[in-house]
């Protein structure tokens, strides 16, 4: 089983961090097709060991996505409303998956 955790970052927002590409794909599909998020931006490889993916956006909600060596794959709340959403999303789909 892959390691998945919810971290509270220095800015007070949460990040869902996972080492499973499959789980990142599953959560991305849920955000897009179940919750109506669309992707904004593009994949940006960097000169270092991290990558920034297109963000998930819906109305005032904005969730940043990417990968880095320390966190693995991550979904990161970008504002307070996204923080509330991502916390409940984690509870429903990662901690106690009902699907």
C-alpha atoms as a PDB file:
ATOM      1  CA  UNK A   1       0.000   0.000   0.000  1.00  0.00           C
ATOM      2  CA  UNK A   2       1.272   3.451  -0.830  1.00  0.00           C
ATOM      3  CA  UNK A   3       1.915   6.134   1.751  1.00  0.00           C
ATOM      4  CA  UNK A   4      -0.577   8.988   1.677  1.00  0.00           C
ATOM      5  CA  UNK A   5      -0.734  11.779   4.202  1.00  0.00           C
ATOM      6  CA  UNK A   6      -2.335  15.116   4.826  1.00  0.00           C
ATOM      7  CA  UNK A   7       0.094  17.835   5.903  1.00  0.00           C
ATOM      8  CA  UNK A   8      -0.598  21.289   7.268  1.00  0.00           C
ATOM      9  CA  UNK A   9       1.954  23.615   5.701  1.00  0.00           C
ATOM     10  CA  UNK A  10       3.447  26.790   7.175  1.00  0.00           C
ATOM     11  CA  UNK A  11       0.744  28.929   5.517  1.00  0.00           C
ATOM     12  CA  UNK A  12      -1.939  26.915   7.375  1.00  0.00           C
ATOM     13  CA  UNK A  13      -3.262  25.244   4.226  1.00  0.00           C
ATOM     14  CA  UNK A  14      -3.261  21.502   3.758  1.00  0.00           C
ATOM     15  CA  UNK A  15      -1.582  19.342   1.180  1.00  0.00           C
ATOM     16  CA  UNK A  16      -2.485  15.779   0.286  1.00  0.00           C
ATOM     17  CA  UNK A  17       0.823  14.025  -0.386  1.00  0.00           C
ATOM     18  CA  UNK A  18       1.130  10.574  -1.952  1.00  0.00           C
ATOM     19  CA  UNK A  19       3.797   8.388  -3.483  1.00  0.00           C
ATOM     20  CA  UNK A  20       1.353   6.589  -5.774  1.00  0.00           C
ATOM     21  CA  UNK A  21       0.923   7.830  -9.340  1.00  0.00           C
ATOM     22  CA  UNK A  22      -2.222   5.693  -9.562  1.00  0.00           C
ATOM     23  CA  UNK A  23      -3.796   7.459  -6.543  1.00  0.00           C
ATOM     24  CA  UNK A  24      -2.889  10.868  -7.986  1.00  0.00           C
ATOM     25  CA  UNK A  25      -4.622   9.859 -11.214  1.00  0.00           C
ATOM     26  CA  UNK A  26      -7.705   8.593  -9.319  1.00  0.00           C
ATOM     27  CA  UNK A  27      -7.974  11.816  -7.281  1.00  0.00           C
ATOM     28  CA  UNK A  28      -7.503  13.907 -10.437  1.00  0.00           C
ATOM     29  CA  UNK A  29     -10.357  12.039 -12.153  1.00  0.00           C
ATOM     30  CA  UNK A  30     -12.593  12.570  -9.113  1.00  0.00           C
ATOM     31  CA  UNK A  31     -11.821  16.291  -8.981  1.00  0.00           C
ATOM     32  CA  UNK A  32     -12.527  16.668 -12.692  1.00  0.00           C
ATOM     33  CA  UNK A  33     -15.547  14.443 -13.284  1.00  0.00           C
ATOM     34  CA  UNK A  34     -17.262  14.223  -9.892  1.00  0.00           C
ATOM     35  CA  UNK A  35     -16.573  17.726  -8.568  1.00  0.00           C
ATOM     36  CA  UNK A  36     -16.454  19.728 -11.822  1.00  0.00           C
ATOM     37  CA  UNK A  37     -12.933  21.134 -11.643  1.00  0.00           C
ATOM     38  CA  UNK A  38     -11.144  22.046 -14.854  1.00  0.00           C
ATOM     39  CA  UNK A  39      -7.403  22.187 -15.428  1.00  0.00           C
ATOM     40  CA  UNK A  40      -5.711  25.562 -15.722  1.00  0.00           C
ATOM     41  CA  UNK A  41      -2.117  26.019 -16.781  1.00  0.00           C
ATOM     42  CA  UNK A  42       0.234  23.397 -18.081  1.00  0.00           C
ATOM     43  CA  UNK A  43       2.822  20.896 -16.974  1.00  0.00           C
ATOM     44  CA  UNK A  44       6.061  22.705 -16.162  1.00  0.00           C
ATOM     45  CA  UNK A  45       9.199  20.633 -15.788  1.00  0.00           C
ATOM     46  CA  UNK A  46      11.814  22.541 -13.845  1.00  0.00           C
ATOM     47  CA  UNK A  47      15.582  22.520 -13.626  1.00  0.00           C
ATOM     48  CA  UNK A  48      15.380  20.828 -10.214  1.00  0.00           C
ATOM     49  CA  UNK A  49      13.742  17.638  -8.979  1.00  0.00           C
ATOM     50  CA  UNK A  50      10.177  18.924  -8.992  1.00  0.00           C
ATOM     51  CA  UNK A  51       7.315  19.334 -11.444  1.00  0.00           C
ATOM     52  CA  UNK A  52       4.298  21.598 -11.494  1.00  0.00           C
ATOM     53  CA  UNK A  53       1.119  20.259 -13.109  1.00  0.00           C
ATOM     54  CA  UNK A  54      -1.929  22.158 -14.339  1.00  0.00           C
ATOM     55  CA  UNK A  55      -3.987  23.401 -11.370  1.00  0.00           C
ATOM     56  CA  UNK A  56      -7.540  22.321 -10.558  1.00  0.00           C
ATOM     57  CA  UNK A  57      -9.950  25.268 -10.631  1.00  0.00           C
ATOM     58  CA  UNK A  58     -13.686  25.603  -9.922  1.00  0.00           C
ATOM     59  CA  UNK A  59     -15.258  28.972  -9.116  1.00  0.00           C
ATOM     60  CA  UNK A  60     -13.292  30.278  -6.083  1.00  0.00           C
ATOM     61  CA  UNK A  61     -11.581  26.948  -5.444  1.00  0.00           C
ATOM     62  CA  UNK A  62      -8.008  26.471  -6.625  1.00  0.00           C
ATOM     63  CA  UNK A  63      -5.922  23.375  -5.925  1.00  0.00           C
ATOM     64  CA  UNK A  64      -2.281  23.267  -6.959  1.00  0.00           C
ATOM     65  CA  UNK A  65      -0.842  19.979  -8.212  1.00  0.00           C
ATOM     66  CA  UNK A  66       2.696  18.780  -8.632  1.00  0.00           C
ATOM     67  CA  UNK A  67       5.484  16.460  -7.621  1.00  0.00           C
ATOM     68  CA  UNK A  68       8.686  16.963  -5.724  1.00  0.00           C
ATOM     69  CA  UNK A  69      11.277  14.733  -4.131  1.00  0.00           C
ATOM     70  CA  UNK A  70      10.253  15.589  -0.560  1.00  0.00           C
ATOM     71  CA  UNK A  71       6.427  15.457  -0.800  1.00  0.00           C
ATOM     72  CA  UNK A  72       5.923  13.071  -3.708  1.00  0.00           C
ATOM     73  CA  UNK A  73       2.762  13.788  -5.718  1.00  0.00           C
ATOM     74  CA  UNK A  74       0.702  16.487  -4.037  1.00  0.00           C
ATOM     75  CA  UNK A  75      -2.542  18.426  -4.140  1.00  0.00           C
ATOM     76  CA  UNK A  76      -2.231  21.737  -2.296  1.00  0.00           C
ATOM     77  CA  UNK A  77      -4.958  24.159  -1.249  1.00  0.00           C
ATOM     78  CA  UNK A  78      -4.304  27.660  -2.622  1.00  0.00           C
ATOM     79  CA  UNK A  79      -6.865  29.610  -0.567  1.00  0.00           C
ATOM     80  CA  UNK A  80      -9.097  29.190   2.492  1.00  0.00           C
ATOM     81  CA  UNK A  81     -12.115  27.855   0.565  1.00  0.00           C
ATOM     82  CA  UNK A  82      -9.889  25.307  -1.181  1.00  0.00           C
ATOM     83  CA  UNK A  83      -8.444  24.344   2.186  1.00  0.00           C
ATOM     84  CA  UNK A  84     -11.902  23.490   3.541  1.00  0.00           C
ATOM     85  CA  UNK A  85     -12.787  21.570   0.367  1.00  0.00           C
ATOM     86  CA  UNK A  86      -9.506  19.637   0.242  1.00  0.00           C
ATOM     87  CA  UNK A  87      -9.804  18.626   3.908  1.00  0.00           C
ATOM     88  CA  UNK A  88     -13.227  17.039   3.341  1.00  0.00           C
ATOM     89  CA  UNK A  89     -12.091  15.591  -0.007  1.00  0.00           C
ATOM     90  CA  UNK A  90      -9.211  13.858   1.822  1.00  0.00           C
ATOM     91  CA  UNK A  91     -11.578  12.500   4.484  1.00  0.00           C
ATOM     92  CA  UNK A  92     -13.977  11.082   1.895  1.00  0.00           C
ATOM     93  CA  UNK A  93     -11.658   9.746  -0.795  1.00  0.00           C
ATOM     94  CA  UNK A  94      -8.323   9.001   0.850  1.00  0.00           C
ATOM     95  CA  UNK A  95      -8.841   8.271   4.561  1.00  0.00           C
ATOM     96  CA  UNK A  96     -12.080   6.363   4.189  1.00  0.00           C
ATOM     97  CA  UNK A  97     -12.505   5.674   0.487  1.00  0.00           C
ATOM     98  CA  UNK A  98     -16.114   4.927  -0.288  1.00  0.00           C
ATOM     99  CA  UNK A  99     -15.395   4.110  -3.935  1.00  0.00           C
END
